[in-house]
Protein backbone atom coordinates (compact mmCIF):
# COMPACT_ATOMS: atom_id res chain seq x y z
CA UNK A 1 5.29 -23.42 110.10
CA UNK A 2 4.04 -21.95 113.37
CA UNK A 3 1.64 -23.45 115.89
CA UNK A 4 -1.19 -21.37 114.46
CA UNK A 5 -1.07 -23.37 111.25
CA UNK A 6 -1.13 -26.98 112.35
CA UNK A 7 -2.62 -29.28 109.75
CA UNK A 8 -4.76 -31.99 111.28
CA UNK A 9 -6.87 -33.34 108.43
CA UNK A 10 -5.77 -34.22 104.91
CA UNK A 11 -9.33 -33.66 103.63
CA UNK A 12 -8.58 -29.94 103.60
CA UNK A 13 -6.52 -29.27 100.48
CA UNK A 14 -5.35 -25.91 99.18
CA UNK A 15 -6.77 -26.26 95.68
CA UNK A 16 -6.94 -23.61 92.99
CA UNK A 17 -10.65 -23.16 93.75
CA UNK A 18 -9.95 -22.63 97.46
CA UNK A 19 -7.16 -20.20 96.65
CA UNK A 20 -9.46 -18.18 94.41
CA UNK A 21 -12.32 -18.06 96.93
CA UNK A 22 -9.99 -17.16 99.78
CA UNK A 23 -7.96 -14.53 97.94
CA UNK A 24 -10.09 -11.61 99.26
CA UNK A 25 -9.80 -12.98 102.79
CA UNK A 26 -6.03 -13.25 102.55
CA UNK A 27 -5.78 -9.73 101.18
CA UNK A 28 -7.47 -8.57 104.38
CA UNK A 29 -5.27 -10.63 106.76
CA UNK A 30 -1.95 -10.75 104.91
CA UNK A 31 -0.28 -8.55 107.54
CA UNK A 32 -1.24 -11.03 110.27
CA UNK A 33 -0.94 -14.45 108.56
CA UNK A 34 2.22 -15.30 106.63
CA UNK A 35 2.25 -16.56 103.06
CA UNK A 36 3.78 -19.82 104.33
CA UNK A 37 0.92 -20.39 106.78
CA UNK A 38 -1.92 -19.44 104.45
CA UNK A 39 -2.09 -22.63 102.32
CA UNK A 40 -2.61 -24.63 105.52
CA UNK A 41 -5.12 -22.23 107.05
CA UNK A 42 -7.15 -21.27 103.97
CA UNK A 43 -8.97 -24.59 103.39
CA UNK A 44 -10.29 -24.54 106.96
CA UNK A 45 -11.35 -20.91 106.66
CA UNK A 46 -13.10 -21.72 103.39
CA UNK A 47 -15.07 -24.55 104.98
CA UNK A 48 -15.92 -22.55 108.12
CA UNK A 49 -17.25 -19.63 106.08
CA UNK A 50 -19.38 -22.06 104.07
CA UNK A 51 -20.74 -23.72 107.19
CA UNK A 52 -21.47 -20.39 108.88
CA UNK A 53 -23.68 -19.42 105.97
CA UNK A 54 -25.37 -22.82 105.86
CA UNK A 55 -26.06 -22.83 109.62
CA UNK A 56 -26.84 -19.11 109.95
CA UNK A 57 -24.10 -19.04 112.54
CA UNK A 58 -21.81 -16.44 114.08
CA UNK A 59 -18.42 -17.02 115.66
CA UNK A 60 -17.47 -15.24 118.87
CA UNK A 61 -13.72 -15.14 119.49
CA UNK A 62 -12.05 -14.05 122.70
CA UNK A 63 -9.03 -11.75 122.56
CA UNK A 64 -6.82 -14.71 123.56
CA UNK A 65 -7.62 -16.80 120.50
CA UNK A 66 -4.93 -17.51 117.90
CA UNK A 67 -4.48 -15.25 114.87
CA UNK A 68 -6.12 -17.62 112.41
CA UNK A 69 -9.36 -17.73 114.42
CA UNK A 70 -9.33 -14.11 115.53
CA UNK A 71 -8.63 -12.56 112.13
CA UNK A 72 -9.99 -15.08 109.63
CA UNK A 73 -13.28 -16.56 110.84
CA UNK A 74 -14.60 -14.53 113.79
CA UNK A 75 -17.62 -12.23 113.54
CA UNK A 76 -17.44 -10.74 117.03
CA UNK A 77 -14.27 -10.31 119.09
CA UNK A 78 -13.62 -8.98 122.57
CA UNK A 79 -13.54 -9.95 126.21
CA UNK A 80 -15.84 -12.59 127.65
CA UNK A 81 -18.80 -10.42 128.59
CA UNK A 82 -18.59 -8.22 125.50
CA UNK A 83 -18.90 -11.33 123.35
CA UNK A 84 -22.10 -12.47 125.01
CA UNK A 85 -23.68 -9.02 125.14
CA UNK A 86 -22.87 -8.20 121.50
CA UNK A 87 -24.21 -11.58 120.43
CA UNK A 88 -27.66 -10.56 121.66
CA UNK A 89 -27.76 -8.03 118.83
CA UNK A 90 -26.99 -10.59 116.11
CA UNK A 91 -29.64 -12.29 114.00
CA UNK A 92 -28.28 -15.85 113.99
CA UNK A 93 -29.54 -19.29 114.92
CA UNK A 94 -26.19 -20.69 116.04
CA UNK A 95 -23.38 -19.18 118.09
CA UNK A 96 -19.93 -20.75 118.25
CA UNK A 97 -17.95 -19.51 121.23
CA UNK A 98 -14.22 -19.66 120.64
CA UNK A 99 -13.13 -19.30 124.23
CA UNK A 100 -13.42 -21.29 127.43
CA UNK A 101 -16.46 -23.04 128.84
CA UNK A 102 -17.72 -20.37 131.24
CA UNK A 103 -17.84 -17.95 128.30
CA UNK A 104 -20.05 -20.32 126.35
CA UNK A 105 -22.30 -20.70 129.40
CA UNK A 106 -22.55 -16.92 129.75
CA UNK A 107 -23.43 -16.61 126.07
CA UNK A 108 -26.18 -19.21 126.55
CA UNK A 109 -27.51 -17.45 129.66
CA UNK A 110 -27.87 -14.18 127.77
CA UNK A 111 -29.09 -15.82 124.56
CA UNK A 112 -31.32 -18.69 125.77
CA UNK A 113 -33.17 -19.11 122.48
CA UNK A 114 -30.00 -19.64 120.43
CA UNK A 115 -28.03 -22.84 119.92
CA UNK A 116 -24.64 -22.20 121.56
CA UNK A 117 -21.70 -24.43 120.67
CA UNK A 118 -18.15 -24.62 121.99
CA UNK A 119 -15.51 -26.27 119.75
CA UNK A 120 -13.88 -28.04 122.70
CA UNK A 121 -15.95 -28.56 125.87
CA UNK A 122 -12.74 -29.41 127.74
CA UNK A 123 -11.54 -25.81 127.41
CA UNK A 124 -11.72 -24.86 131.08
CA UNK A 125 -10.46 -22.08 133.33
CA UNK A 126 -8.47 -22.22 136.57
CA UNK A 127 -10.60 -19.44 138.06
CA UNK A 128 -13.91 -21.06 137.18
CA UNK A 129 -12.67 -24.37 138.53
CA UNK A 130 -11.44 -22.85 141.81
CA UNK A 131 -14.91 -22.45 143.31
CA UNK A 132 -18.27 -24.25 143.33
CA UNK A 133 -21.83 -23.35 144.19
CA UNK A 134 -21.41 -25.23 147.48
CA UNK A 135 -18.38 -23.07 148.29
CA UNK A 136 -20.45 -19.93 147.75
CA UNK A 137 -23.26 -21.21 149.95
CA UNK A 138 -20.75 -21.82 152.75
CA UNK A 139 -19.24 -18.36 152.29
CA UNK A 140 -22.71 -16.83 152.63
CA UNK A 141 -23.42 -18.90 155.73
CA UNK A 142 -20.12 -17.79 157.28
CA UNK A 143 -20.71 -14.14 156.36
CA UNK A 144 -24.44 -13.52 156.84
CA UNK A 145 -25.75 -10.37 155.22
CA UNK A 146 -22.57 -9.70 153.24
CA UNK A 147 -23.35 -9.27 149.52
CA UNK A 148 -21.49 -11.56 147.14
CA UNK A 149 -20.08 -10.43 143.81
CA UNK A 150 -18.52 -12.93 141.44
CA UNK A 151 -16.18 -12.28 138.57
CA UNK A 152 -17.76 -13.43 135.30
CA UNK A 153 -14.97 -16.02 135.04
CA UNK A 154 -17.11 -18.55 136.92
CA UNK A 155 -19.61 -21.27 136.16
CA UNK A 156 -23.35 -20.77 135.89
CA UNK A 157 -23.64 -22.76 139.12
CA UNK A 158 -21.63 -20.10 140.94
CA UNK A 159 -23.37 -17.19 139.23
CA UNK A 160 -26.70 -18.62 140.41
CA UNK A 161 -25.61 -18.30 144.06
CA UNK A 162 -24.44 -14.67 144.09
CA UNK A 163 -26.02 -11.23 144.12
CA UNK A 164 -24.24 -9.78 141.13
CA UNK A 165 -21.40 -10.36 138.66
CA UNK A 166 -18.54 -8.10 137.65
CA UNK A 167 -15.79 -7.89 135.07
CA UNK A 168 -12.20 -6.83 135.57
CA UNK A 169 -13.17 -3.49 134.04
CA UNK A 170 -16.15 -2.67 136.26
CA UNK A 171 -15.35 -4.54 139.51
CA UNK A 172 -14.82 -1.39 141.62
CA UNK A 173 -18.01 0.22 140.33
CA UNK A 174 -20.05 -2.93 140.94
CA UNK A 175 -18.66 -3.44 144.45
CA UNK A 176 -19.49 0.13 145.41
CA UNK A 177 -22.95 -0.10 143.83
CA UNK A 178 -23.95 -2.68 146.42
CA UNK A 179 -24.08 -0.03 149.16
CA UNK A 180 -22.37 -2.21 151.74
CA UNK A 181 -19.27 -1.52 153.81
CA UNK A 182 -18.19 -5.15 153.25
CA UNK A 183 -18.39 -7.29 150.09
CA UNK A 184 -17.31 -10.79 149.14
CA UNK A 185 -15.50 -10.52 145.79
CA UNK A 186 -14.79 -13.98 144.36
CA UNK A 187 -12.99 -16.02 143.11
CA UNK A 188 -9.86 -14.16 141.90
CA UNK A 189 -7.88 -13.10 144.95
CA UNK A 190 -5.59 -10.82 142.95
CA UNK A 191 -8.47 -8.99 141.29
CA UNK A 192 -10.06 -8.63 144.74
CA UNK A 193 -6.83 -7.31 146.26
CA UNK A 194 -6.39 -4.86 143.41
CA UNK A 195 -9.95 -3.58 143.81
CA UNK A 196 -9.49 -3.32 147.59
CA UNK A 197 -6.65 -0.84 147.04
CA UNK A 198 -9.01 1.53 145.21
CA UNK A 199 -12.10 1.55 147.45
CA UNK A 200 -13.13 2.09 151.06
CA UNK A 201 -15.30 -1.04 150.92
CA UNK A 202 -13.83 -3.94 152.87
CA UNK A 203 -13.20 -6.74 150.40
CA UNK A 204 -13.35 -10.38 151.46
CA UNK A 205 -11.54 -12.71 149.06
CA UNK A 206 -11.34 -16.29 147.84
CA UNK A 207 -8.08 -18.08 147.00
CA UNK A 208 -8.63 -18.42 143.23
CA UNK A 209 -6.03 -17.41 140.66
CA UNK A 210 -5.66 -17.28 136.89
CA UNK A 211 -2.89 -19.69 135.98
CA UNK A 212 -1.74 -17.34 133.22
CA UNK A 213 -1.61 -14.05 135.11
CA UNK A 214 -0.30 -15.35 138.42
CA UNK A 215 2.98 -16.25 136.69
CA UNK A 216 3.93 -12.62 136.08
CA UNK A 217 6.27 -11.01 138.61
CA UNK A 218 7.17 -7.45 139.49
CA UNK A 219 10.70 -8.26 138.36
CA UNK A 220 9.37 -8.93 134.83
CA UNK A 221 8.12 -5.35 134.61
CA UNK A 222 11.28 -3.93 136.10
CA UNK A 223 13.38 -5.81 133.54
CA UNK A 224 11.27 -4.55 130.64
CA UNK A 225 11.61 -0.97 131.86
CA UNK A 226 15.34 -1.40 132.43
CA UNK A 227 15.86 -2.73 128.91
CA UNK A 228 13.36 -0.34 127.29
CA UNK A 229 12.86 2.82 129.40
CA UNK A 230 10.46 4.24 126.83
CA UNK A 231 8.14 1.20 126.97
CA UNK A 232 4.59 1.65 128.28
CA UNK A 233 3.56 -1.42 130.29
CA UNK A 234 -0.10 -2.46 130.55
CA UNK A 235 -1.13 -5.19 133.00
CA UNK A 236 -4.32 -7.17 133.49
CA UNK A 237 -6.02 -6.88 136.94
CA UNK A 238 -5.73 -10.66 137.41
CA UNK A 239 -1.99 -10.12 137.92
CA UNK A 240 -0.52 -9.84 141.45
CA UNK A 241 -0.84 -6.36 143.02
CA UNK A 242 2.89 -5.61 142.88
CA UNK A 243 2.80 -6.24 139.12
CA UNK A 244 0.07 -3.63 138.73
CA UNK A 245 2.03 -1.24 140.94
CA UNK A 246 5.00 -1.55 138.58
CA UNK A 247 2.91 -1.15 135.41
CA UNK A 248 1.84 2.12 133.80
CA UNK A 249 -1.78 1.11 133.29
CA UNK A 250 -4.11 -1.65 134.44
CA UNK A 251 -7.16 -2.76 132.54
CA UNK A 252 -9.23 -5.56 131.06
CA UNK A 253 -8.31 -6.93 127.64
CA UNK A 254 -10.72 -4.43 126.10
CA UNK A 255 -9.29 -1.68 128.27
CA UNK A 256 -5.75 -2.47 127.18
CA UNK A 257 -6.74 -2.59 123.53
CA UNK A 258 -8.53 0.76 123.80
CA UNK A 259 -5.51 2.30 125.57
CA UNK A 260 -3.14 1.32 122.76
CA UNK A 261 -5.55 2.45 120.04
CA UNK A 262 -6.13 5.84 121.68
CA UNK A 263 -2.70 6.64 123.16
CA UNK A 264 -0.62 5.10 120.35
CA UNK A 265 2.49 4.43 122.45
CA UNK A 266 5.57 3.87 120.29
CA UNK A 267 6.57 0.83 122.37
CA UNK A 268 4.19 -1.17 124.55
CA UNK A 269 4.16 -4.41 126.54
CA UNK A 270 0.93 -6.21 127.42
CA UNK A 271 1.20 -8.24 130.60
CA UNK A 272 -1.45 -10.82 129.83
CA UNK A 273 -2.02 -13.90 127.64
CA UNK A 274 0.39 -13.86 124.72
CA UNK A 275 -2.12 -13.91 121.83
CA UNK A 276 -3.42 -10.51 122.91
CA UNK A 277 -0.49 -8.63 121.37
CA UNK A 278 -0.78 -10.59 118.12
CA UNK A 279 -4.44 -9.76 117.78
CA UNK A 280 -4.59 -6.06 118.61
CA UNK A 281 -1.47 -5.02 116.71
CA UNK A 282 -3.59 -5.22 113.54
CA UNK A 283 -5.51 -2.15 114.73
CA UNK A 284 -2.45 -0.45 116.19
CA UNK A 285 0.08 0.01 113.37
CA UNK A 286 1.73 2.95 115.14
CA UNK A 287 2.84 0.82 118.09
CA UNK A 288 5.59 -1.75 118.42
CA UNK A 289 4.96 -4.57 120.87
CA UNK A 290 7.35 -6.26 123.26
CA UNK A 291 6.05 -9.81 123.41
CA UNK A 292 5.53 -11.11 126.91
CA UNK A 293 4.24 -14.64 126.70
CA UNK A 294 2.26 -16.61 129.21
CA UNK A 295 -0.02 -18.89 127.23
CA UNK A 296 -3.46 -20.12 128.29
CA UNK A 297 -3.54 -23.86 127.52
CA UNK A 298 -7.34 -23.85 127.65
CA UNK A 299 -7.81 -21.12 125.04
CA UNK A 300 -5.40 -22.97 122.78
CA UNK A 301 -7.64 -26.05 122.78
CA UNK A 302 -9.81 -24.22 120.25
CA UNK A 303 -8.63 -24.89 116.69
CA UNK A 304 -9.94 -24.38 113.17
CA UNK A 305 -10.51 -28.12 112.83
CA UNK A 306 -12.67 -28.18 115.98
CA UNK A 307 -14.68 -25.21 114.73
CA UNK A 308 -15.33 -27.09 111.48
CA UNK A 309 -16.41 -30.18 113.40
CA UNK A 310 -18.86 -28.44 115.72
CA UNK A 311 -20.42 -26.39 112.91
CA UNK A 312 -20.73 -29.41 110.63
CA UNK A 313 -22.21 -31.69 113.30
CA UNK A 314 -23.81 -29.03 115.53
CA UNK A 315 -21.93 -30.78 118.32
CA UNK A 316 -20.82 -29.74 121.80
CA UNK A 317 -23.96 -27.75 122.44
CA UNK A 318 -23.97 -25.87 125.75
CA UNK A 319 -26.94 -26.35 128.05
CA UNK A 320 -27.72 -24.70 131.39
CA UNK A 321 -30.40 -26.16 133.63
CA UNK A 322 -33.25 -23.62 133.68
CA UNK A 323 -33.57 -23.71 137.48
CA UNK A 324 -29.94 -22.61 137.64
CA UNK A 325 -30.10 -20.40 134.57
CA UNK A 326 -32.72 -18.00 135.91
CA UNK A 327 -30.77 -16.81 139.00
CA UNK A 328 -27.46 -16.95 137.10
CA UNK A 329 -28.92 -14.75 134.37
CA UNK A 330 -30.26 -12.37 137.01
CA UNK A 331 -26.79 -11.86 138.48
CA UNK A 332 -25.39 -10.97 135.06
CA UNK A 333 -28.29 -8.66 134.25
CA UNK A 334 -27.87 -6.97 137.63
CA UNK A 335 -24.30 -6.15 136.65
CA UNK A 336 -25.35 -4.81 133.25
CA UNK A 337 -27.95 -2.60 134.92
CA UNK A 338 -25.41 -1.31 137.47
CA UNK A 339 -22.88 -0.56 134.74
């Protein structure tokens, strides 16, 4: 039994009734969930689907979620901003964000009238935790007149203090849209360094890092290419610059997924969180994946059991103080308008 199928509550039994109700679901996911795992997973899926209908709820799942969540119970999948933006188009009363806390905050900012839940409020992010609103205020005081752009991987408190947000996919475009010869791009120093290599704008950085992507080294890419010369290597922009230099393509999780779907490389390695390969291979049957694995411990705090709990009890609701929410929302909407 793999980690994706941990049983944590004996109340969830794989009965004949559950098996019958879940048969169509398993037919859809049988290439991604093994027959050995399914009897453990199916009772949770059955209960989550029931609760979603009862609560008029949708589940948003980030690309780094485990296979059981990503393939079996999610309604909307993608990167952090895509989840929140797509959710605005959904007619639902409740949104369950299967991701980390800043994602749930962003979903709430863009969907203030909806009840937004996160299965585990302790699911954090090293980037979001690397900087505070007070840090941004000091940066602005030390660099008067310099516009500040924050990566969406930050708290609402930080978003409320900046001029605009960006994603890993649109960071260069957003930076250049500000019309300044100097921009503060926070908090991911590697993303900032990678953007700086592609623009004439002077980029000022902050010493934040993603604990998943900072672990990758140039030597990892070189070894993959030595062992598999035909392999196409895709790296996330949160990786160190020399990793991106060694890769064949750099892009956000959505960008990497789109690359594989469109280019159909025979052999590909994704230099990012390890669940990414598991999840996109379902849509990319023509490609074989070399599994590089650096796991996000925060994403893995989200489990089927915790999704059941928060839907059943409507617990772990995400709130953003309205005084903070208004400027934070404005920074996100400024990015959407500039994109």
